[in-house]
Amino acid sequence: MKRLPVVFLLLAATGCATAVPKSSAPAVELHGHQFSTELATDDASRERGLMMRTELAADHSMLFVFPDTQPRWFWMKNTLIPLDILYFDADRKLVSMQLDVPPCKADPCPSYPSDAPARYVLELPAGTARRIGVEQGDELTVDGDIGAVH
């Protein structure tokens, strides 16, 4: 008689575990490596970027999504951590890289341009692109909903 409640509890717990929806947090995959990502899809979030952050976890990134494809350039104003800045075209193929970009210590801050028009820009902790072997032409895969881009 005492076994029935234990079996019932186990079945109920198993049922609850399978009912939990998959996380909708976006992630990206590049060169066989997955990174959780924050999205910057409007002017305000793209302008703010990773400013004032003191760290970026090794498995984390920020994906900037633009409504059009054109030459891009980023700067490190108020960005406190070094980054790899990767530029992707409309097909999410890597077209340009700026690696180990240092924080800007004083104005005027230099800008770091793409070598080709880009629609997506991925920022990773500095050194990540070399460590995982990223190469020109690599495809960026986005897992999750990007949502509206303004």
C-alpha atoms as a PDB file:
ATOM      1  CA  MET A   1       0.000   0.000   0.000  1.00  0.00           C
ATOM      2  CA  LYS A   2       2.877   2.416   0.728  1.00  0.00           C
ATOM      3  CA  ARG A   3       4.386   1.828  -2.744  1.00  0.00           C
ATOM      4  CA  LEU A   4       1.419   3.226  -4.614  1.00  0.00           C
ATOM      5  CA  PRO A   5       1.913   6.851  -3.438  1.00  0.00           C
ATOM      6  CA  VAL A   6       5.667   6.691  -4.276  1.00  0.00           C
ATOM      7  CA  VAL A   7       4.970   5.332  -7.778  1.00  0.00           C
ATOM      8  CA  PHE A   8       2.272   7.947  -8.276  1.00  0.00           C
ATOM      9  CA  LEU A   9       4.639  10.742  -7.191  1.00  0.00           C
ATOM     10  CA  LEU A  10       7.355   9.490  -9.552  1.00  0.00           C
ATOM     11  CA  LEU A  11       4.927   9.354 -12.464  1.00  0.00           C
ATOM     12  CA  ALA A  12       3.576  12.808 -11.630  1.00  0.00           C
ATOM     13  CA  ALA A  13       7.101  14.257 -11.397  1.00  0.00           C
ATOM     14  CA  THR A  14       8.069  12.672 -14.726  1.00  0.00           C
ATOM     15  CA  GLY A  15       4.951  14.076 -16.354  1.00  0.00           C
ATOM     16  CA  CYS A  16       5.733  17.558 -15.046  1.00  0.00           C
ATOM     17  CA  ALA A  17       9.316  17.370 -16.268  1.00  0.00           C
ATOM     18  CA  THR A  18       8.216  16.607 -19.813  1.00  0.00           C
ATOM     19  CA  ALA A  19       5.597  19.358 -19.752  1.00  0.00           C
ATOM     20  CA  VAL A  20       8.202  22.108 -19.200  1.00  0.00           C
ATOM     21  CA  PRO A  21       8.527  24.078 -22.432  1.00  0.00           C
ATOM     22  CA  LYS A  22      11.893  24.358 -24.177  1.00  0.00           C
ATOM     23  CA  SER A  23      13.707  27.569 -23.317  1.00  0.00           C
ATOM     24  CA  SER A  24      13.083  30.263 -25.892  1.00  0.00           C
ATOM     25  CA  ALA A  25      16.318  32.054 -25.027  1.00  0.00           C
ATOM     26  CA  PRO A  26      18.183  32.646 -28.281  1.00  0.00           C
ATOM     27  CA  ALA A  27      21.500  31.003 -28.991  1.00  0.00           C
ATOM     28  CA  VAL A  28      23.920  31.038 -31.896  1.00  0.00           C
ATOM     29  CA  GLU A  29      26.194  28.384 -33.302  1.00  0.00           C
ATOM     30  CA  LEU A  30      29.448  29.161 -35.062  1.00  0.00           C
ATOM     31  CA  HIS A  31      32.099  26.712 -36.244  1.00  0.00           C
ATOM     32  CA  GLY A  32      30.518  23.917 -34.182  1.00  0.00           C
ATOM     33  CA  HIS A  33      30.349  25.926 -30.947  1.00  0.00           C
ATOM     34  CA  GLN A  34      27.154  27.178 -29.320  1.00  0.00           C
ATOM     35  CA  PHE A  35      26.829  30.464 -27.435  1.00  0.00           C
ATOM     36  CA  SER A  36      23.887  31.870 -25.535  1.00  0.00           C
ATOM     37  CA  THR A  37      23.215  35.294 -26.973  1.00  0.00           C
ATOM     38  CA  GLU A  38      21.619  38.612 -26.214  1.00  0.00           C
ATOM     39  CA  LEU A  39      19.906  40.290 -29.138  1.00  0.00           C
ATOM     40  CA  ALA A  40      20.320  43.910 -30.211  1.00  0.00           C
ATOM     41  CA  THR A  41      17.580  44.468 -32.794  1.00  0.00           C
ATOM     42  CA  ASP A  42      16.734  48.170 -32.501  1.00  0.00           C
ATOM     43  CA  ASP A  43      18.753  51.385 -32.525  1.00  0.00           C
ATOM     44  CA  ALA A  44      18.804  51.788 -28.731  1.00  0.00           C
ATOM     45  CA  SER A  45      19.973  48.233 -27.972  1.00  0.00           C
ATOM     46  CA  ARG A  46      22.522  48.297 -30.826  1.00  0.00           C
ATOM     47  CA  GLU A  47      23.912  51.607 -29.543  1.00  0.00           C
ATOM     48  CA  ARG A  48      24.150  50.318 -25.953  1.00  0.00           C
ATOM     49  CA  GLY A  49      25.617  46.950 -26.910  1.00  0.00           C
ATOM     50  CA  LEU A  50      27.943  45.624 -24.229  1.00  0.00           C
ATOM     51  CA  MET A  51      28.766  49.034 -22.754  1.00  0.00           C
ATOM     52  CA  MET A  52      29.676  49.159 -19.063  1.00  0.00           C
ATOM     53  CA  ARG A  53      29.915  45.363 -18.724  1.00  0.00           C
ATOM     54  CA  THR A  54      32.872  44.136 -16.717  1.00  0.00           C
ATOM     55  CA  GLU A  55      32.732  40.580 -18.041  1.00  0.00           C
ATOM     56  CA  LEU A  56      31.295  38.378 -20.757  1.00  0.00           C
ATOM     57  CA  ALA A  57      31.136  34.647 -20.040  1.00  0.00           C
ATOM     58  CA  ALA A  58      33.097  32.399 -22.415  1.00  0.00           C
ATOM     59  CA  ASP A  59      29.879  30.796 -23.694  1.00  0.00           C
ATOM     60  CA  HIS A  60      27.989  34.075 -24.150  1.00  0.00           C
ATOM     61  CA  SER A  61      27.643  36.554 -27.014  1.00  0.00           C
ATOM     62  CA  MET A  62      25.704  39.524 -28.287  1.00  0.00           C
ATOM     63  CA  LEU A  63      24.132  39.407 -31.741  1.00  0.00           C
ATOM     64  CA  PHE A  64      23.418  42.732 -33.440  1.00  0.00           C
ATOM     65  CA  VAL A  65      20.752  42.410 -36.133  1.00  0.00           C
ATOM     66  CA  PHE A  66      20.227  45.213 -38.639  1.00  0.00           C
ATOM     67  CA  PRO A  67      17.253  45.738 -40.972  1.00  0.00           C
ATOM     68  CA  ASP A  68      19.557  46.084 -43.988  1.00  0.00           C
ATOM     69  CA  THR A  69      22.937  44.975 -45.313  1.00  0.00           C
ATOM     70  CA  GLN A  70      25.644  47.617 -45.611  1.00  0.00           C
ATOM     71  CA  PRO A  71      29.214  48.370 -44.496  1.00  0.00           C
ATOM     72  CA  ARG A  72      29.318  48.397 -40.690  1.00  0.00           C
ATOM     73  CA  TRP A  73      31.770  49.677 -38.140  1.00  0.00           C
ATOM     74  CA  PHE A  74      31.804  49.352 -34.389  1.00  0.00           C
ATOM     75  CA  TRP A  75      33.629  51.242 -31.706  1.00  0.00           C
ATOM     76  CA  MET A  76      34.375  50.438 -28.096  1.00  0.00           C
ATOM     77  CA  LYS A  77      33.174  53.620 -26.374  1.00  0.00           C
ATOM     78  CA  ASN A  78      32.348  52.741 -22.724  1.00  0.00           C
ATOM     79  CA  THR A  79      33.036  49.061 -23.431  1.00  0.00           C
ATOM     80  CA  LEU A  80      35.196  47.736 -20.617  1.00  0.00           C
ATOM     81  CA  ILE A  81      36.082  44.275 -21.965  1.00  0.00           C
ATOM     82  CA  PRO A  82      38.063  43.225 -25.054  1.00  0.00           C
ATOM     83  CA  LEU A  83      35.981  41.598 -27.774  1.00  0.00           C
ATOM     84  CA  ASP A  84      36.063  39.728 -31.073  1.00  0.00           C
ATOM     85  CA  ILE A  85      33.721  41.463 -33.538  1.00  0.00           C
ATOM     86  CA  LEU A  86      32.487  39.226 -36.366  1.00  0.00           C
ATOM     87  CA  TYR A  87      30.543  40.552 -39.372  1.00  0.00           C
ATOM     88  CA  PHE A  88      28.079  38.380 -41.325  1.00  0.00           C
ATOM     89  CA  ASP A  89      26.203  39.055 -44.566  1.00  0.00           C
ATOM     90  CA  ALA A  90      22.458  38.600 -45.165  1.00  0.00           C
ATOM     91  CA  ASP A  91      23.021  34.823 -45.605  1.00  0.00           C
ATOM     92  CA  ARG A  92      24.822  34.728 -42.223  1.00  0.00           C
ATOM     93  CA  LYS A  93      28.186  33.949 -43.841  1.00  0.00           C
ATOM     94  CA  LEU A  94      31.232  35.452 -42.103  1.00  0.00           C
ATOM     95  CA  VAL A  95      32.595  38.287 -44.260  1.00  0.00           C
ATOM     96  CA  SER A  96      34.931  40.117 -41.869  1.00  0.00           C
ATOM     97  CA  MET A  97      36.534  39.886 -38.422  1.00  0.00           C
ATOM     98  CA  GLN A  98      38.061  42.330 -35.980  1.00  0.00           C
ATOM     99  CA  LEU A  99      39.820  40.225 -33.338  1.00  0.00           C
ATOM    100  CA  ASP A 100      41.031  41.078 -29.844  1.00  0.00           C
ATOM    101  CA  VAL A 101      39.578  44.585 -29.999  1.00  0.00           C
ATOM    102  CA  PRO A 102      40.647  46.445 -26.844  1.00  0.00           C
ATOM    103  CA  PRO A 103      38.414  48.688 -24.743  1.00  0.00           C
ATOM    104  CA  CYS A 104      38.610  52.377 -25.590  1.00  0.00           C
ATOM    105  CA  LYS A 105      40.600  54.158 -22.878  1.00  0.00           C
ATOM    106  CA  ALA A 106      40.230  57.748 -24.170  1.00  0.00           C
ATOM    107  CA  ASP A 107      38.406  59.761 -26.805  1.00  0.00           C
ATOM    108  CA  PRO A 108      38.447  59.691 -29.701  1.00  0.00           C
ATOM    109  CA  CYS A 109      37.781  55.963 -29.849  1.00  0.00           C
ATOM    110  CA  PRO A 110      38.865  54.178 -33.032  1.00  0.00           C
ATOM    111  CA  SER A 111      36.274  52.360 -35.119  1.00  0.00           C
ATOM    112  CA  TYR A 112      36.551  48.785 -36.334  1.00  0.00           C
ATOM    113  CA  PRO A 113      34.998  48.374 -39.796  1.00  0.00           C
ATOM    114  CA  SER A 114      33.784  45.365 -41.722  1.00  0.00           C
ATOM    115  CA  ASP A 115      35.586  44.550 -44.974  1.00  0.00           C
ATOM    116  CA  ALA A 116      32.254  43.846 -46.691  1.00  0.00           C
ATOM    117  CA  PRO A 117      28.576  44.741 -46.210  1.00  0.00           C
ATOM    118  CA  ALA A 118      27.031  43.026 -43.175  1.00  0.00           C
ATOM    119  CA  ARG A 119      23.581  42.514 -41.686  1.00  0.00           C
ATOM    120  CA  TYR A 120      24.584  40.595 -38.531  1.00  0.00           C
ATOM    121  CA  VAL A 121      27.397  41.352 -36.111  1.00  0.00           C
ATOM    122  CA  LEU A 122      28.406  38.938 -33.369  1.00  0.00           C
ATOM    123  CA  GLU A 123      30.470  40.018 -30.380  1.00  0.00           C
ATOM    124  CA  LEU A 124      32.333  37.343 -28.427  1.00  0.00           C
ATOM    125  CA  PRO A 125      34.910  37.506 -25.635  1.00  0.00           C
ATOM    126  CA  ALA A 126      38.310  38.395 -27.121  1.00  0.00           C
ATOM    127  CA  GLY A 127      40.272  35.361 -28.273  1.00  0.00           C
ATOM    128  CA  THR A 128      37.213  33.171 -28.833  1.00  0.00           C
ATOM    129  CA  ALA A 129      37.274  33.274 -32.650  1.00  0.00           C
ATOM    130  CA  ARG A 130      40.909  32.097 -32.778  1.00  0.00           C
ATOM    131  CA  ARG A 131      40.348  29.498 -30.065  1.00  0.00           C
ATOM    132  CA  ILE A 132      37.461  27.824 -31.925  1.00  0.00           C
ATOM    133  CA  GLY A 133      39.064  28.214 -35.373  1.00  0.00           C
ATOM    134  CA  VAL A 134      36.578  30.587 -37.013  1.00  0.00           C
ATOM    135  CA  GLU A 135      37.251  31.187 -40.706  1.00  0.00           C
ATOM    136  CA  GLN A 136      35.979  33.545 -43.390  1.00  0.00           C
ATOM    137  CA  GLY A 137      32.812  32.053 -44.928  1.00  0.00           C
ATOM    138  CA  ASP A 138      31.713  30.211 -41.746  1.00  0.00           C
ATOM    139  CA  GLU A 139      27.933  30.217 -41.325  1.00  0.00           C
ATOM    140  CA  LEU A 140      26.214  31.601 -38.247  1.00  0.00           C
ATOM    141  CA  THR A 141      23.174  29.631 -37.132  1.00  0.00           C
ATOM    142  CA  VAL A 142      20.585  31.317 -34.915  1.00  0.00           C
ATOM    143  CA  ASP A 143      18.462  29.105 -32.658  1.00  0.00           C
ATOM    144  CA  GLY A 144      15.415  30.938 -31.355  1.00  0.00           C
ATOM    145  CA  ASP A 145      13.287  33.825 -32.489  1.00  0.00           C
ATOM    146  CA  ILE A 146      15.051  37.055 -33.417  1.00  0.00           C
ATOM    147  CA  GLY A 147      11.773  38.952 -33.362  1.00  0.00           C
ATOM    148  CA  ALA A 148      11.177  42.322 -34.971  1.00  0.00           C
ATOM    149  CA  VAL A 149      14.194  44.245 -36.256  1.00  0.00           C
ATOM    150  CA  HIS A 150      14.019  48.036 -36.364  1.00  0.00           C
END
